[in-house]
Amino acid sequence: MPHAGTLRHASDGGPDVKSPIRRCSEWRAAHDRPVYTFTERCPDCGAPTENSAPPPFSPEDRYGEYRRRARRRSDGPTVDDGDANRE
């Protein structure tokens, strides 16, 4: 049995936690830089926090191509893709 300060993982019967480090979800609007914490609420502004770890990468990701296409479409044309000069 782990002591009180140990973070337990899902395999140990604890919460499914990817990273104990969390980031303020409103940092772009409320702060000049990201605020990191271990708590569920930002200590500076009180906004909820979110997991700061990026999603895992897998070369077998079946939907990665579709996500990247959707992201490019939502960002609009860029200089690199040649769509900026189209009418």
Protein backbone atom coordinates (compact mmCIF):
# COMPACT_ATOMS: atom_id res chain seq x y z
CA MET A 1 0.00 0.00 0.00
CA PRO A 2 1.52 3.38 -1.01
CA HIS A 3 1.87 6.12 1.58
CA ALA A 4 -0.50 9.10 1.54
CA GLY A 5 1.67 11.29 -0.72
CA THR A 6 2.02 8.74 -3.54
CA LEU A 7 0.03 9.19 -6.75
CA ARG A 8 -1.66 5.91 -7.63
CA HIS A 9 -2.34 4.86 -11.21
CA ALA A 10 -5.42 3.13 -12.64
CA SER A 11 -3.69 -0.26 -12.50
CA ASP A 12 -3.33 0.19 -8.72
CA GLY A 13 -6.99 1.08 -8.27
CA GLY A 14 -6.30 4.81 -8.33
CA PRO A 15 -7.44 7.46 -10.82
CA ASP A 16 -6.37 7.25 -14.47
CA VAL A 17 -3.75 10.01 -14.35
CA LYS A 18 -1.39 10.75 -17.23
CA SER A 19 0.45 13.58 -15.54
CA PRO A 20 0.10 15.01 -12.04
CA ILE A 21 1.16 18.42 -13.40
CA ARG A 22 -1.79 20.52 -14.50
CA ARG A 23 -2.03 23.87 -16.34
CA CYS A 24 -4.53 26.71 -15.92
CA SER A 25 -7.14 26.35 -18.68
CA GLU A 26 -7.55 30.14 -18.92
CA TRP A 27 -3.86 31.09 -18.92
CA ARG A 28 -3.96 32.80 -22.34
CA ALA A 29 -6.67 35.20 -21.18
CA ALA A 30 -5.79 35.54 -17.49
CA HIS A 31 -1.97 35.30 -17.33
CA ASP A 32 1.04 36.37 -19.37
CA ARG A 33 2.47 32.82 -19.25
CA PRO A 34 1.18 29.33 -18.39
CA VAL A 35 0.55 28.65 -14.70
CA TYR A 36 1.35 25.07 -13.65
CA THR A 37 0.05 23.41 -10.49
CA PHE A 38 -0.88 20.05 -8.93
CA THR A 39 -4.37 21.23 -7.93
CA GLU A 40 -7.73 21.12 -9.73
CA ARG A 41 -8.01 24.95 -9.67
CA CYS A 42 -5.51 27.64 -10.69
CA PRO A 43 -3.96 29.16 -7.55
CA ASP A 44 -3.86 32.63 -9.18
CA CYS A 45 -7.25 33.03 -10.90
CA GLY A 46 -9.32 30.07 -9.67
CA ALA A 47 -10.04 28.70 -13.18
CA PRO A 48 -10.17 24.93 -13.63
CA THR A 49 -6.92 23.26 -14.61
CA GLU A 50 -6.27 20.77 -17.41
CA ASN A 51 -3.79 17.96 -17.99
CA SER A 52 -0.56 19.50 -19.29
CA ALA A 53 0.78 16.34 -20.94
CA PRO A 54 0.47 16.08 -24.74
CA PRO A 55 -1.46 13.13 -26.15
CA PRO A 56 0.68 10.03 -26.74
CA PHE A 57 2.15 9.56 -30.22
CA SER A 58 1.66 6.32 -32.08
CA PRO A 59 2.86 5.55 -35.62
CA GLU A 60 -0.19 3.27 -35.95
CA ASP A 61 -2.59 6.19 -35.28
CA ARG A 62 -5.38 5.52 -37.77
CA TYR A 63 -6.96 8.96 -37.46
CA GLY A 64 -3.86 11.19 -37.28
CA GLU A 65 -4.01 12.11 -40.96
CA TYR A 66 -7.63 13.25 -40.62
CA ARG A 67 -6.90 15.32 -37.49
CA ARG A 68 -3.98 17.05 -39.22
CA ARG A 69 -6.15 17.82 -42.27
CA ALA A 70 -8.91 19.24 -40.07
CA ARG A 71 -6.39 21.34 -38.14
CA ARG A 72 -4.94 22.75 -41.37
CA ARG A 73 -8.44 23.59 -42.64
CA SER A 74 -9.40 25.33 -39.40
CA ASP A 75 -6.17 27.36 -39.32
CA GLY A 76 -6.82 28.69 -42.83
CA PRO A 77 -4.41 28.94 -45.74
CA THR A 78 -0.71 29.30 -45.06
CA VAL A 79 2.19 30.40 -47.24
CA ASP A 80 3.48 26.82 -47.39
CA ASP A 81 0.38 25.15 -48.85
CA GLY A 82 -0.06 27.46 -51.86
CA ASP A 83 -3.75 28.20 -51.16
CA ALA A 84 -3.12 31.85 -50.29
CA ASN A 85 -3.00 32.93 -53.97
CA ARG A 86 -6.14 31.09 -55.06
CA GLU A 87 -9.38 32.94 -55.75
